[in-house]
């Protein structure tokens, strides 16, 4: 009974951490690394302890990879402005948005939600809602 309770509580805690930390590359790397490590550790040993060790190792490795990705993004785009990058405004057609800087309409159908787009007139970045 204690083992099942501990496994359930651990799963709930891990799920809440994963869901709340996936906004940054570091959080995404840690979450993916932990999940991959748990799967590999559990498959290799066949027990919960191996899965937990694999999850910890995977989270650590994923965090390092995510930090490198975040540093690369900061070098490419520059530091975000205070308050973050502004969002475009919907132009009335699905996938088309106004730039918050110039009002020019951009086709952002291939850009994922939250993705950055550069305004060609100002050179400044804004996010797709």
Protein backbone atom coordinates (compact mmCIF):
# COMPACT_ATOMS: atom_id res chain seq x y z
CA UNK A 1 0.00 0.00 0.00
CA UNK A 2 2.81 2.42 0.90
CA UNK A 3 4.54 1.73 -2.41
CA UNK A 4 1.41 2.51 -4.44
CA UNK A 5 0.73 5.68 -2.46
CA UNK A 6 4.30 6.89 -2.97
CA UNK A 7 4.11 6.15 -6.70
CA UNK A 8 0.82 8.04 -7.06
CA UNK A 9 2.05 11.07 -5.10
CA UNK A 10 5.30 11.08 -7.09
CA UNK A 11 3.40 10.94 -10.38
CA UNK A 12 1.11 13.81 -9.38
CA UNK A 13 4.05 15.95 -8.21
CA UNK A 14 6.05 15.25 -11.36
CA UNK A 15 3.03 16.05 -13.54
CA UNK A 16 2.48 19.39 -11.84
CA UNK A 17 6.15 20.32 -12.24
CA UNK A 18 6.13 19.35 -15.91
CA UNK A 19 2.94 21.28 -16.65
CA UNK A 20 4.10 24.42 -14.87
CA UNK A 21 7.66 24.57 -16.23
CA UNK A 22 7.21 23.97 -19.95
CA UNK A 23 7.19 27.64 -20.92
CA UNK A 24 10.97 27.92 -21.26
CA UNK A 25 13.48 25.79 -23.18
CA UNK A 26 15.05 24.77 -19.86
CA UNK A 27 11.71 23.51 -18.53
CA UNK A 28 10.88 21.74 -21.77
CA UNK A 29 14.30 20.07 -21.84
CA UNK A 30 13.98 18.95 -18.23
CA UNK A 31 10.48 17.56 -18.78
CA UNK A 32 11.39 15.66 -21.93
CA UNK A 33 14.62 14.41 -20.36
CA UNK A 34 12.82 13.20 -17.23
CA UNK A 35 10.16 11.37 -19.22
CA UNK A 36 12.73 9.75 -21.50
CA UNK A 37 14.97 8.82 -18.58
CA UNK A 38 12.06 7.27 -16.68
CA UNK A 39 11.03 5.19 -19.67
CA UNK A 40 14.57 3.97 -20.32
CA UNK A 41 15.33 3.39 -16.62
CA UNK A 42 12.08 1.50 -16.09
CA UNK A 43 12.51 -0.60 -19.23
CA UNK A 44 16.13 -1.43 -18.45
CA UNK A 45 15.61 -2.47 -14.83
CA UNK A 46 11.93 -3.32 -14.64
CA UNK A 47 11.38 -1.55 -11.33
CA UNK A 48 10.35 1.83 -9.96
CA UNK A 49 13.76 2.63 -8.52
CA UNK A 50 15.41 2.35 -11.94
CA UNK A 51 12.73 4.56 -13.45
CA UNK A 52 13.25 7.19 -10.73
CA UNK A 53 17.02 7.19 -11.23
CA UNK A 54 16.54 7.44 -15.00
CA UNK A 55 14.09 10.33 -14.56
CA UNK A 56 16.52 12.25 -12.36
CA UNK A 57 19.41 11.71 -14.77
CA UNK A 58 17.23 12.61 -17.75
CA UNK A 59 15.95 15.77 -16.09
CA UNK A 60 19.49 16.91 -15.32
CA UNK A 61 20.66 16.26 -18.89
CA UNK A 62 17.54 17.87 -20.35
CA UNK A 63 18.04 20.96 -18.22
CA UNK A 64 21.57 21.39 -19.54
CA UNK A 65 20.41 20.99 -23.14
CA UNK A 66 17.51 23.40 -22.58
CA UNK A 67 19.84 26.00 -21.07
CA UNK A 68 22.07 25.78 -24.15
CA UNK A 69 19.04 26.21 -26.43
CA UNK A 70 17.82 29.21 -24.43
CA UNK A 71 21.27 30.82 -24.58
CA UNK A 72 21.37 30.28 -28.35
CA UNK A 73 17.94 31.87 -28.75
CA UNK A 74 18.98 34.89 -26.67
CA UNK A 75 22.09 35.34 -28.84
CA UNK A 76 20.01 35.14 -32.03
CA UNK A 77 17.11 37.41 -31.03
CA UNK A 78 18.70 39.59 -28.39
CA UNK A 79 17.27 40.08 -24.93
CA UNK A 80 13.49 40.42 -24.73
CA UNK A 81 12.16 43.92 -24.03
CA UNK A 82 10.84 44.68 -20.54
CA UNK A 83 7.48 42.98 -20.24
CA UNK A 84 8.27 40.52 -23.05
CA UNK A 85 7.60 40.67 -26.77
CA UNK A 86 4.20 42.17 -27.70
CA UNK A 87 1.53 40.08 -29.40
CA UNK A 88 0.12 40.71 -32.86
CA UNK A 89 -3.57 41.58 -33.23
CA UNK A 90 -5.92 39.31 -35.21
CA UNK A 91 -6.65 40.75 -38.66
CA UNK A 92 -10.05 39.09 -39.08
CA UNK A 93 -8.83 36.21 -41.25
CA UNK A 94 -7.58 32.97 -39.68
CA UNK A 95 -3.78 33.01 -39.51
CA UNK A 96 -3.36 36.71 -40.37
CA UNK A 97 -2.25 39.22 -37.75
CA UNK A 98 -1.41 42.94 -37.53
CA UNK A 99 2.05 43.93 -36.35
CA UNK A 100 1.84 45.83 -33.05
CA UNK A 101 4.47 48.24 -34.38
CA UNK A 102 3.30 49.26 -37.86
CA UNK A 103 -0.13 47.71 -38.41
CA UNK A 104 1.13 45.73 -41.42
CA UNK A 105 -0.71 42.41 -41.90
CA UNK A 106 1.41 39.25 -41.69
CA UNK A 107 0.51 35.71 -42.76
CA UNK A 108 1.42 33.68 -39.66
CA UNK A 109 -0.38 30.44 -40.53
CA UNK A 110 2.89 28.48 -40.41
CA UNK A 111 4.07 30.08 -37.14
CA UNK A 112 3.16 28.19 -33.94
CA UNK A 113 1.23 30.06 -31.22
CA UNK A 114 3.67 32.17 -29.22
CA UNK A 115 6.24 32.06 -32.03
CA UNK A 116 8.29 35.13 -32.85
CA UNK A 117 8.01 37.08 -36.10
CA UNK A 118 10.14 40.02 -37.21
CA UNK A 119 8.38 43.15 -38.47
CA UNK A 120 10.13 43.94 -41.76
CA UNK A 121 9.62 47.70 -41.38
CA UNK A 122 11.06 48.12 -37.88
CA UNK A 123 13.13 44.95 -37.44
CA UNK A 124 11.50 44.37 -34.05
CA UNK A 125 10.02 41.05 -32.97
CA UNK A 126 6.44 40.25 -31.95
CA UNK A 127 4.58 37.07 -30.96
CA UNK A 128 1.72 35.28 -32.64
CA UNK A 129 -1.18 34.94 -30.15
